[in-house]
Amino acid sequence: MENSNHMFLSRLLVKSYRIVQSMNGTFLRSLGYENFKIGHIIVLMNLSEQGVTTTDLAKKAKVSKQAMSKLVNELIQEGYLISKTNHQDLRSTLLFCTEKGNHFLEDLMKSRAHIEQKFAVIIGEERLKQLNLALSEIVAHYDELENTDTINDKIAGTKI
């Protein structure tokens, strides 16, 4: 009996993910963002004002260097990122968000707030906070484990 509840929870989590992905995609497409992939968002969310290397991004996002390089190059071509020489290590470059990239991140935050607002209407603010807290605890626990599976390259390439 317990196993069927676990499967039900698994299905709920997968369906919830798909709902959020669809809502995010719909919101962002309504603002003119047509070719964004989940991996592009992962890249932009992991940038810092000091710049970051592609290798460091790949480690943070838990994808291969090759997959990260592809995503980075796509974002550079579209004008969301720029690459500058790393003066501390001339063998590498540092990536920075452009104004266009920052504008996308602002729109992404609007999308996330919009989705949370819709969910709060359904389950209420307090239950939404509890859900967020519970899921945050689960994610934090597994993020700390050494042998946690990494996000695979296929997911990073999925369109939103």
Protein backbone atom coordinates (compact mmCIF):
# COMPACT_ATOMS: atom_id res chain seq x y z
CA MET A 1 0.00 0.00 0.00
CA GLU A 2 2.81 2.40 0.89
CA ASN A 3 4.45 1.79 -2.49
CA SER A 4 1.32 2.90 -4.36
CA ASN A 5 1.26 6.14 -2.36
CA HIS A 6 4.89 6.75 -3.30
CA MET A 7 4.08 6.20 -6.96
CA PHE A 8 1.14 8.56 -6.62
CA LEU A 9 3.43 11.19 -5.13
CA SER A 10 5.89 10.61 -7.95
CA ARG A 11 3.16 11.10 -10.52
CA LEU A 12 1.94 14.24 -8.76
CA LEU A 13 5.44 15.70 -8.77
CA VAL A 14 5.94 14.91 -12.46
CA LYS A 15 2.54 16.34 -13.40
CA SER A 16 3.19 19.42 -11.25
CA TYR A 17 6.52 19.95 -12.98
CA ARG A 18 4.85 19.71 -16.38
CA ILE A 19 2.15 22.17 -15.34
CA VAL A 20 4.74 24.69 -14.12
CA GLN A 21 6.83 24.18 -17.26
CA SER A 22 3.78 24.76 -19.45
CA MET A 23 2.67 27.84 -17.50
CA ASN A 24 6.20 29.29 -17.61
CA GLY A 25 6.48 28.60 -21.32
CA THR A 26 3.10 30.16 -22.08
CA PHE A 27 3.89 33.27 -20.04
CA LEU A 28 7.34 33.73 -21.56
CA ARG A 29 6.15 33.08 -25.12
CA SER A 30 3.48 35.74 -24.59
CA LEU A 31 6.39 38.16 -24.00
CA GLY A 32 8.14 37.07 -27.20
CA TYR A 33 10.61 34.47 -25.90
CA GLU A 34 10.24 31.67 -28.44
CA ASN A 35 13.32 29.44 -28.38
CA PHE A 36 14.23 29.20 -24.71
CA LYS A 37 15.29 25.87 -23.23
CA ILE A 38 15.33 24.85 -19.60
CA GLY A 39 19.12 24.77 -19.85
CA HIS A 40 19.20 28.42 -20.93
CA ILE A 41 17.39 29.34 -17.74
CA ILE A 42 19.79 27.20 -15.71
CA VAL A 43 22.72 29.08 -17.27
CA LEU A 44 21.28 32.54 -16.68
CA MET A 45 20.25 31.72 -13.10
CA ASN A 46 23.79 30.62 -12.21
CA LEU A 47 25.68 33.69 -13.44
CA SER A 48 27.35 36.11 -11.05
CA GLU A 49 28.35 39.75 -11.33
CA GLN A 50 32.02 38.68 -11.15
CA GLY A 51 31.51 36.38 -14.14
CA VAL A 52 31.64 32.61 -14.25
CA THR A 53 33.38 30.06 -16.46
CA THR A 54 31.57 27.50 -18.58
CA THR A 55 33.21 24.73 -16.53
CA ASP A 56 31.88 26.19 -13.27
CA LEU A 57 28.42 26.56 -14.80
CA ALA A 58 28.47 22.92 -15.89
CA LYS A 59 29.37 21.83 -12.35
CA LYS A 60 26.63 23.97 -10.78
CA ALA A 61 24.00 22.84 -13.28
CA LYS A 62 25.18 19.21 -13.14
CA VAL A 63 25.46 18.84 -16.92
CA SER A 64 28.42 17.92 -19.11
CA LYS A 65 30.84 20.62 -20.24
CA GLN A 66 29.82 19.89 -23.84
CA ALA A 67 26.12 20.44 -23.11
CA MET A 68 26.92 23.63 -21.19
CA SER A 69 29.13 24.94 -24.00
CA LYS A 70 26.28 24.42 -26.46
CA LEU A 71 23.81 26.29 -24.23
CA VAL A 72 26.30 29.11 -23.59
CA ASN A 73 27.04 29.50 -27.30
CA GLU A 74 23.31 29.67 -28.09
CA LEU A 75 22.84 32.38 -25.46
CA ILE A 76 25.83 34.35 -26.76
CA GLN A 77 24.48 34.15 -30.32
CA GLU A 78 21.09 35.42 -29.15
CA GLY A 79 22.67 38.29 -27.19
CA TYR A 80 21.80 37.13 -23.66
CA LEU A 81 25.43 36.52 -22.63
CA ILE A 82 28.82 37.97 -23.38
CA SER A 83 32.19 36.29 -22.95
CA LYS A 84 35.24 38.19 -21.70
CA THR A 85 38.84 37.17 -21.14
CA ASN A 86 39.52 35.83 -17.67
CA HIS A 87 42.50 37.89 -16.53
CA GLN A 88 43.17 35.44 -13.67
CA ASP A 89 43.38 32.46 -16.05
CA LEU A 90 43.99 33.36 -19.69
CA ARG A 91 43.00 29.84 -20.79
CA SER A 92 39.37 30.49 -19.89
CA THR A 93 36.74 33.15 -20.39
CA LEU A 94 34.19 34.59 -18.01
CA LEU A 95 30.53 34.80 -18.90
CA PHE A 96 28.34 37.77 -18.05
CA CYS A 97 24.69 38.54 -18.48
CA THR A 98 23.85 41.28 -20.99
CA GLU A 99 21.08 43.82 -20.60
CA LYS A 100 18.92 41.54 -22.75
CA GLY A 101 19.76 38.63 -20.42
CA ASN A 102 18.89 40.68 -17.34
CA HIS A 103 15.59 41.68 -18.95
CA PHE A 104 14.79 38.00 -19.54
CA LEU A 105 15.57 37.20 -15.89
CA GLU A 106 13.21 39.97 -14.78
CA ASP A 107 10.50 38.50 -17.01
CA LEU A 108 11.22 35.03 -15.64
CA MET A 109 10.73 36.33 -12.10
CA LYS A 110 7.41 37.86 -13.20
CA SER A 111 6.42 34.49 -14.65
CA ARG A 112 7.29 32.69 -11.43
CA ALA A 113 5.37 35.22 -9.34
CA HIS A 114 2.40 34.84 -11.70
CA ILE A 115 2.45 31.04 -11.30
CA GLU A 116 2.76 31.23 -7.51
CA GLN A 117 -0.13 33.69 -7.43
CA LYS A 118 -2.28 31.26 -9.45
CA PHE A 119 -1.36 28.39 -7.12
CA ALA A 120 -2.10 30.53 -4.03
CA VAL A 121 -5.61 31.12 -5.34
CA ILE A 122 -6.10 27.35 -5.53
CA ILE A 123 -4.52 26.22 -2.23
CA GLY A 124 -4.05 29.44 -0.25
CA GLU A 125 -0.92 31.39 0.70
CA GLU A 126 -0.16 29.38 3.84
CA ARG A 127 -0.38 25.97 2.18
CA LEU A 128 1.73 27.24 -0.71
CA LYS A 129 4.41 28.35 1.78
CA GLN A 130 4.26 24.92 3.46
CA LEU A 131 4.57 23.16 0.11
CA ASN A 132 7.55 25.31 -0.81
CA LEU A 133 9.22 24.62 2.54
CA ALA A 134 8.66 20.85 2.34
CA LEU A 135 9.97 20.60 -1.22
CA SER A 136 12.94 22.83 -0.32
CA GLU A 137 13.88 20.48 2.51
CA ILE A 138 13.72 17.43 0.24
CA VAL A 139 15.80 19.11 -2.48
CA ALA A 140 18.38 20.39 0.04
CA HIS A 141 18.75 16.91 1.51
CA TYR A 142 19.47 15.28 -1.85
CA ASP A 143 21.62 18.14 -3.11
CA GLU A 144 24.00 17.46 -0.22
CA LEU A 145 24.44 13.78 -1.07
CA GLU A 146 27.61 12.90 -2.97
CA ASN A 147 25.98 10.30 -5.21
CA THR A 148 22.94 12.28 -6.30
CA ASP A 149 22.20 11.73 -9.97
CA THR A 150 22.95 14.74 -12.10
CA ILE A 151 20.51 16.53 -14.35
CA ASN A 152 21.07 14.95 -17.72
CA ASP A 153 21.89 16.79 -20.89
CA LYS A 154 18.55 15.94 -22.48
CA ILE A 155 16.61 17.83 -19.79
CA ALA A 156 18.85 20.87 -20.21
CA GLY A 157 17.94 20.95 -23.90
CA THR A 158 14.18 20.74 -23.33
CA LYS A 159 12.23 23.74 -24.59
CA ILE A 160 10.07 25.63 -22.13
